[in-house]
């Protein structure tokens, strides 16, 4: 079984974590492998809705992001992804601390992929669960250095 090039993974994680939207939310891609991805987010006041709990959009974004990166390494290097369906359930309110989203690819296809993600609070309690259907976009990949998935 092929395994990802560590230099490619490091460059990809750095690129993602320095991108505007993840940086704006204080969200970090912590780990990515062939079928999994882990996202962490340290909560702050900006993540709360008026009733003092984490806004549902923050949890939805974590699920969207974890499912995206869980299937990413199985698509062609020159391709990108777009979410075409996101379903989730909110299971427990969150007020503060750190959240961890764990994404798992269920099916990685040539044009359509399917993944799930679970979001946990600091105590390890499940706070949200979701699934995502993603479409591969040929020739819309991330522009990186000379690093490739399997070689540098």
Protein backbone atom coordinates (compact mmCIF):
# COMPACT_ATOMS: atom_id res chain seq x y z
CA UNK A 1 0.00 0.00 0.00
CA UNK A 2 1.28 3.44 -0.90
CA UNK A 3 1.85 5.92 1.88
CA UNK A 4 1.96 9.70 1.57
CA UNK A 5 5.28 11.48 1.19
CA UNK A 6 6.04 13.10 4.61
CA UNK A 7 7.41 16.25 2.94
CA UNK A 8 4.20 16.62 0.93
CA UNK A 9 2.10 16.18 4.08
CA UNK A 10 4.14 18.79 5.98
CA UNK A 11 3.84 21.28 3.13
CA UNK A 12 0.11 20.62 2.74
CA UNK A 13 -0.56 21.08 6.48
CA UNK A 14 1.43 24.33 6.51
CA UNK A 15 -0.39 25.62 3.42
CA UNK A 16 -3.80 24.79 4.90
CA UNK A 17 -3.03 26.24 8.32
CA UNK A 18 -1.77 29.52 6.84
CA UNK A 19 -4.79 29.90 4.56
CA UNK A 20 -7.14 32.81 5.36
CA UNK A 21 -10.32 31.01 6.45
CA UNK A 22 -8.80 28.34 8.74
CA UNK A 23 -6.52 31.01 10.20
CA UNK A 24 -9.50 33.34 10.77
CA UNK A 25 -11.32 30.65 12.77
CA UNK A 26 -8.17 29.50 14.64
CA UNK A 27 -8.73 26.08 13.08
CA UNK A 28 -5.73 23.83 12.39
CA UNK A 29 -5.29 20.76 10.25
CA UNK A 30 -3.39 18.62 12.74
CA UNK A 31 -3.04 15.38 10.80
CA UNK A 32 -3.90 13.96 7.39
CA UNK A 33 -3.46 10.45 6.04
CA UNK A 34 -4.90 8.40 3.18
CA UNK A 35 -8.37 8.03 4.72
CA UNK A 36 -8.35 10.28 7.79
CA UNK A 37 -7.89 13.86 8.89
CA UNK A 38 -7.89 15.57 12.28
CA UNK A 39 -8.81 19.22 12.78
CA UNK A 40 -8.43 21.15 16.05
CA UNK A 41 -9.99 24.43 17.06
CA UNK A 42 -9.34 26.40 20.25
CA UNK A 43 -12.57 28.17 21.13
CA UNK A 44 -12.76 31.90 21.78
CA UNK A 45 -15.54 34.48 22.22
CA UNK A 46 -15.78 34.91 18.44
CA UNK A 47 -17.08 31.33 18.14
CA UNK A 48 -20.06 31.88 20.45
CA UNK A 49 -23.63 32.74 19.52
CA UNK A 50 -25.70 35.19 21.64
CA UNK A 51 -26.65 32.53 24.22
CA UNK A 52 -23.00 31.83 25.07
CA UNK A 53 -22.62 28.48 23.33
CA UNK A 54 -20.57 27.61 20.26
CA UNK A 55 -22.37 28.61 17.07
CA UNK A 56 -23.62 25.67 15.01
CA UNK A 57 -21.77 27.04 12.00
CA UNK A 58 -18.46 26.44 13.79
CA UNK A 59 -19.32 22.77 14.31
CA UNK A 60 -20.57 22.48 10.72
CA UNK A 61 -17.31 24.01 9.48
CA UNK A 62 -15.28 21.49 11.48
CA UNK A 63 -17.27 18.61 9.98
CA UNK A 64 -17.01 20.07 6.47
CA UNK A 65 -13.25 20.54 6.86
CA UNK A 66 -12.52 17.14 8.41
CA UNK A 67 -14.49 15.28 5.74
CA UNK A 68 -12.84 17.29 2.95
CA UNK A 69 -9.30 16.48 4.08
CA UNK A 70 -10.17 12.85 4.89
CA UNK A 71 -10.79 12.16 1.19
CA UNK A 72 -8.29 14.63 -0.28
CA UNK A 73 -5.26 12.33 -0.58
CA UNK A 74 -7.23 9.80 -2.63
CA UNK A 75 -8.03 12.17 -5.49
CA UNK A 76 -5.58 12.95 -8.33
CA UNK A 77 -2.82 15.44 -7.46
CA UNK A 78 -4.06 18.02 -9.97
CA UNK A 79 -7.67 17.82 -8.73
CA UNK A 80 -9.63 19.66 -6.07
CA UNK A 81 -12.82 18.97 -4.14
CA UNK A 82 -16.08 20.73 -3.43
CA UNK A 83 -18.72 19.73 -0.90
CA UNK A 84 -22.07 18.99 -2.54
CA UNK A 85 -23.96 17.77 0.52
CA UNK A 86 -23.40 18.21 4.24
CA UNK A 87 -25.60 16.59 6.88
CA UNK A 88 -24.99 16.87 10.59
CA UNK A 89 -26.45 16.44 14.01
CA UNK A 90 -25.67 18.60 17.04
CA UNK A 91 -25.50 16.32 20.07
CA UNK A 92 -24.23 18.42 22.97
CA UNK A 93 -23.71 22.15 23.59
CA UNK A 94 -20.17 23.48 23.89
CA UNK A 95 -19.15 26.62 25.79
CA UNK A 96 -15.35 26.71 25.78
CA UNK A 97 -12.16 24.71 25.44
CA UNK A 98 -10.82 22.92 22.42
CA UNK A 99 -12.69 20.92 19.80
CA UNK A 100 -11.30 18.06 17.77
CA UNK A 101 -12.88 16.84 14.54
CA UNK A 102 -11.94 13.42 13.21
CA UNK A 103 -12.79 12.79 9.56
CA UNK A 104 -12.85 9.38 7.89
CA UNK A 105 -13.23 8.64 4.18
CA UNK A 106 -15.95 6.05 3.65
CA UNK A 107 -15.77 5.99 -0.16
CA UNK A 108 -13.23 7.73 -2.36
CA UNK A 109 -14.37 7.66 -5.96
CA UNK A 110 -13.14 9.18 -9.22
CA UNK A 111 -15.85 11.83 -9.20
CA UNK A 112 -17.81 11.46 -5.95
CA UNK A 113 -16.50 10.74 -2.45
CA UNK A 114 -18.29 10.25 0.84
CA UNK A 115 -16.94 10.82 4.36
CA UNK A 116 -18.03 11.22 7.96
CA UNK A 117 -16.69 13.27 10.85
CA UNK A 118 -17.15 13.35 14.59
CA UNK A 119 -16.47 16.40 16.74
CA UNK A 120 -15.35 15.93 20.35
CA UNK A 121 -14.97 18.37 23.23
CA UNK A 122 -11.96 18.43 25.58
CA UNK A 123 -13.54 15.74 27.76
CA UNK A 124 -13.73 13.43 24.73
CA UNK A 125 -17.54 13.68 24.55
CA UNK A 126 -19.15 13.55 21.12
CA UNK A 127 -20.72 16.95 20.42
CA UNK A 128 -21.57 16.63 16.71
CA UNK A 129 -21.59 14.05 13.93
CA UNK A 130 -21.93 14.57 10.21
CA UNK A 131 -21.48 13.20 6.73
CA UNK A 132 -20.42 14.85 3.51
CA UNK A 133 -20.62 14.06 -0.17
CA UNK A 134 -17.81 15.65 -2.16
CA UNK A 135 -17.25 16.08 -5.89
CA UNK A 136 -13.79 15.91 -7.47
CA UNK A 137 -12.93 18.87 -9.69
CA UNK A 138 -10.32 17.93 -12.29
CA UNK A 139 -7.50 20.45 -12.85
CA UNK A 140 -8.52 22.49 -9.76
CA UNK A 141 -5.85 21.23 -7.37
CA UNK A 142 -3.77 23.06 -4.81
CA UNK A 143 -0.64 24.69 -6.19
CA UNK A 144 2.29 23.47 -4.12
CA UNK A 145 6.07 23.44 -4.53
CA UNK A 146 7.81 20.67 -6.39
CA UNK A 147 6.66 18.22 -3.73
CA UNK A 148 4.38 15.48 -5.00
CA UNK A 149 2.21 13.08 -3.09
CA UNK A 150 4.65 10.21 -3.43
CA UNK A 151 7.97 11.97 -4.18
CA UNK A 152 9.79 15.26 -3.72
